[in-house]
């Protein structure tokens, strides 16, 4: 999506969130997920391996991982 379509998409999603609706999003853009989502599920081979708030997921990364990218790499690829 171009920047304008992406902005409109997130505006719609966040409006649904404010209405108390649940929205399921699949994305590899962990920065956007961290900024906009209350809970994030990390999948490995089609199964959920971790699901929690972005902050709690980040706090579970050894060696001080500070980003959702670190969470994704750690839980989606590591054999934990």
C-alpha atoms as a PDB file:
ATOM      1  CA  UNK A   1       0.000   0.000   0.000  1.00  0.00           C
ATOM      2  CA  UNK A   2       1.099   3.553  -0.568  1.00  0.00           C
ATOM      3  CA  UNK A   3       1.369   5.885   2.426  1.00  0.00           C
ATOM      4  CA  UNK A   4      -2.113   7.369   1.961  1.00  0.00           C
ATOM      5  CA  UNK A   5      -3.843   3.973   1.718  1.00  0.00           C
ATOM      6  CA  UNK A   6      -1.864   2.772   4.741  1.00  0.00           C
ATOM      7  CA  UNK A   7      -2.946   5.835   6.766  1.00  0.00           C
ATOM      8  CA  UNK A   8      -6.585   5.278   5.797  1.00  0.00           C
ATOM      9  CA  UNK A   9      -6.309   1.575   6.668  1.00  0.00           C
ATOM     10  CA  UNK A  10      -4.945   2.302  10.148  1.00  0.00           C
ATOM     11  CA  UNK A  11      -7.535   5.031  10.694  1.00  0.00           C
ATOM     12  CA  UNK A  12     -10.283   2.498   9.980  1.00  0.00           C
ATOM     13  CA  UNK A  13      -8.693  -0.203  12.163  1.00  0.00           C
ATOM     14  CA  UNK A  14      -8.143   2.161  15.091  1.00  0.00           C
ATOM     15  CA  UNK A  15     -11.726   3.446  14.807  1.00  0.00           C
ATOM     16  CA  UNK A  16     -12.981  -0.158  15.069  1.00  0.00           C
ATOM     17  CA  UNK A  17     -10.682  -0.659  18.063  1.00  0.00           C
ATOM     18  CA  UNK A  18     -12.167   2.434  19.785  1.00  0.00           C
ATOM     19  CA  UNK A  19     -15.619   0.874  19.252  1.00  0.00           C
ATOM     20  CA  UNK A  20     -14.472  -2.168  21.227  1.00  0.00           C
ATOM     21  CA  UNK A  21     -14.284  -4.443  18.209  1.00  0.00           C
ATOM     22  CA  UNK A  22     -11.616  -7.079  17.750  1.00  0.00           C
ATOM     23  CA  UNK A  23      -9.562  -6.848  14.577  1.00  0.00           C
ATOM     24  CA  UNK A  24      -7.175  -9.597  13.507  1.00  0.00           C
ATOM     25  CA  UNK A  25      -4.252  -8.420  11.377  1.00  0.00           C
ATOM     26  CA  UNK A  26      -1.516 -10.467   9.756  1.00  0.00           C
ATOM     27  CA  UNK A  27       1.676  -8.502   9.153  1.00  0.00           C
ATOM     28  CA  UNK A  28       5.436  -8.683   9.233  1.00  0.00           C
ATOM     29  CA  UNK A  29       5.692  -4.961  10.053  1.00  0.00           C
ATOM     30  CA  UNK A  30       6.423  -5.349  13.740  1.00  0.00           C
ATOM     31  CA  UNK A  31       6.827  -1.600  14.289  1.00  0.00           C
ATOM     32  CA  UNK A  32       3.254  -0.946  13.194  1.00  0.00           C
ATOM     33  CA  UNK A  33       2.029  -3.853  15.263  1.00  0.00           C
ATOM     34  CA  UNK A  34       3.842  -2.537  18.343  1.00  0.00           C
ATOM     35  CA  UNK A  35       2.376   0.952  17.888  1.00  0.00           C
ATOM     36  CA  UNK A  36      -1.198  -0.075  17.124  1.00  0.00           C
ATOM     37  CA  UNK A  37      -2.039  -3.444  18.681  1.00  0.00           C
ATOM     38  CA  UNK A  38      -3.059  -4.366  22.214  1.00  0.00           C
ATOM     39  CA  UNK A  39      -2.003  -8.019  21.849  1.00  0.00           C
ATOM     40  CA  UNK A  40       0.271  -9.749  19.385  1.00  0.00           C
ATOM     41  CA  UNK A  41       0.461 -13.442  18.570  1.00  0.00           C
ATOM     42  CA  UNK A  42       3.725 -14.825  17.198  1.00  0.00           C
ATOM     43  CA  UNK A  43       3.374 -17.851  14.936  1.00  0.00           C
ATOM     44  CA  UNK A  44       5.851 -20.594  14.154  1.00  0.00           C
ATOM     45  CA  UNK A  45       4.948 -23.182  11.523  1.00  0.00           C
ATOM     46  CA  UNK A  46       1.293 -22.157  11.703  1.00  0.00           C
ATOM     47  CA  UNK A  47       0.927 -22.401  15.488  1.00  0.00           C
ATOM     48  CA  UNK A  48       0.835 -19.632  18.083  1.00  0.00           C
ATOM     49  CA  UNK A  49       3.997 -19.817  20.189  1.00  0.00           C
ATOM     50  CA  UNK A  50       3.509 -16.583  22.160  1.00  0.00           C
ATOM     51  CA  UNK A  51       0.638 -14.146  22.621  1.00  0.00           C
ATOM     52  CA  UNK A  52       0.703 -11.100  24.889  1.00  0.00           C
ATOM     53  CA  UNK A  53       0.981  -7.328  24.920  1.00  0.00           C
ATOM     54  CA  UNK A  54       3.907  -5.855  22.979  1.00  0.00           C
ATOM     55  CA  UNK A  55       5.579  -4.718  26.212  1.00  0.00           C
ATOM     56  CA  UNK A  56       5.320  -8.114  27.874  1.00  0.00           C
ATOM     57  CA  UNK A  57       6.612  -9.892  24.770  1.00  0.00           C
ATOM     58  CA  UNK A  58       9.591  -7.543  24.550  1.00  0.00           C
ATOM     59  CA  UNK A  59      10.368  -8.084  28.243  1.00  0.00           C
ATOM     60  CA  UNK A  60      10.686 -11.844  27.625  1.00  0.00           C
ATOM     61  CA  UNK A  61      13.569 -11.488  25.165  1.00  0.00           C
ATOM     62  CA  UNK A  62      16.949 -12.446  26.645  1.00  0.00           C
ATOM     63  CA  UNK A  63      19.845 -10.031  26.305  1.00  0.00           C
ATOM     64  CA  UNK A  64      17.644  -6.944  26.313  1.00  0.00           C
ATOM     65  CA  UNK A  65      15.774  -7.147  23.008  1.00  0.00           C
ATOM     66  CA  UNK A  66      13.915  -3.854  22.801  1.00  0.00           C
ATOM     67  CA  UNK A  67      11.804  -4.223  19.685  1.00  0.00           C
ATOM     68  CA  UNK A  68       9.014  -6.337  18.291  1.00  0.00           C
ATOM     69  CA  UNK A  69      11.424  -7.322  15.520  1.00  0.00           C
ATOM     70  CA  UNK A  70      13.555  -9.007  18.202  1.00  0.00           C
ATOM     71  CA  UNK A  71      10.430 -10.701  19.572  1.00  0.00           C
ATOM     72  CA  UNK A  72       9.491 -11.991  16.137  1.00  0.00           C
ATOM     73  CA  UNK A  73      12.955 -13.339  15.372  1.00  0.00           C
ATOM     74  CA  UNK A  74      13.341 -14.884  18.819  1.00  0.00           C
ATOM     75  CA  UNK A  75       9.977 -16.643  19.022  1.00  0.00           C
ATOM     76  CA  UNK A  76       9.195 -17.335  15.361  1.00  0.00           C
ATOM     77  CA  UNK A  77      12.614 -18.784  14.515  1.00  0.00           C
ATOM     78  CA  UNK A  78      14.245 -19.871  17.758  1.00  0.00           C
ATOM     79  CA  UNK A  79      13.463 -23.281  19.188  1.00  0.00           C
ATOM     80  CA  UNK A  80      12.308 -22.116  22.627  1.00  0.00           C
END
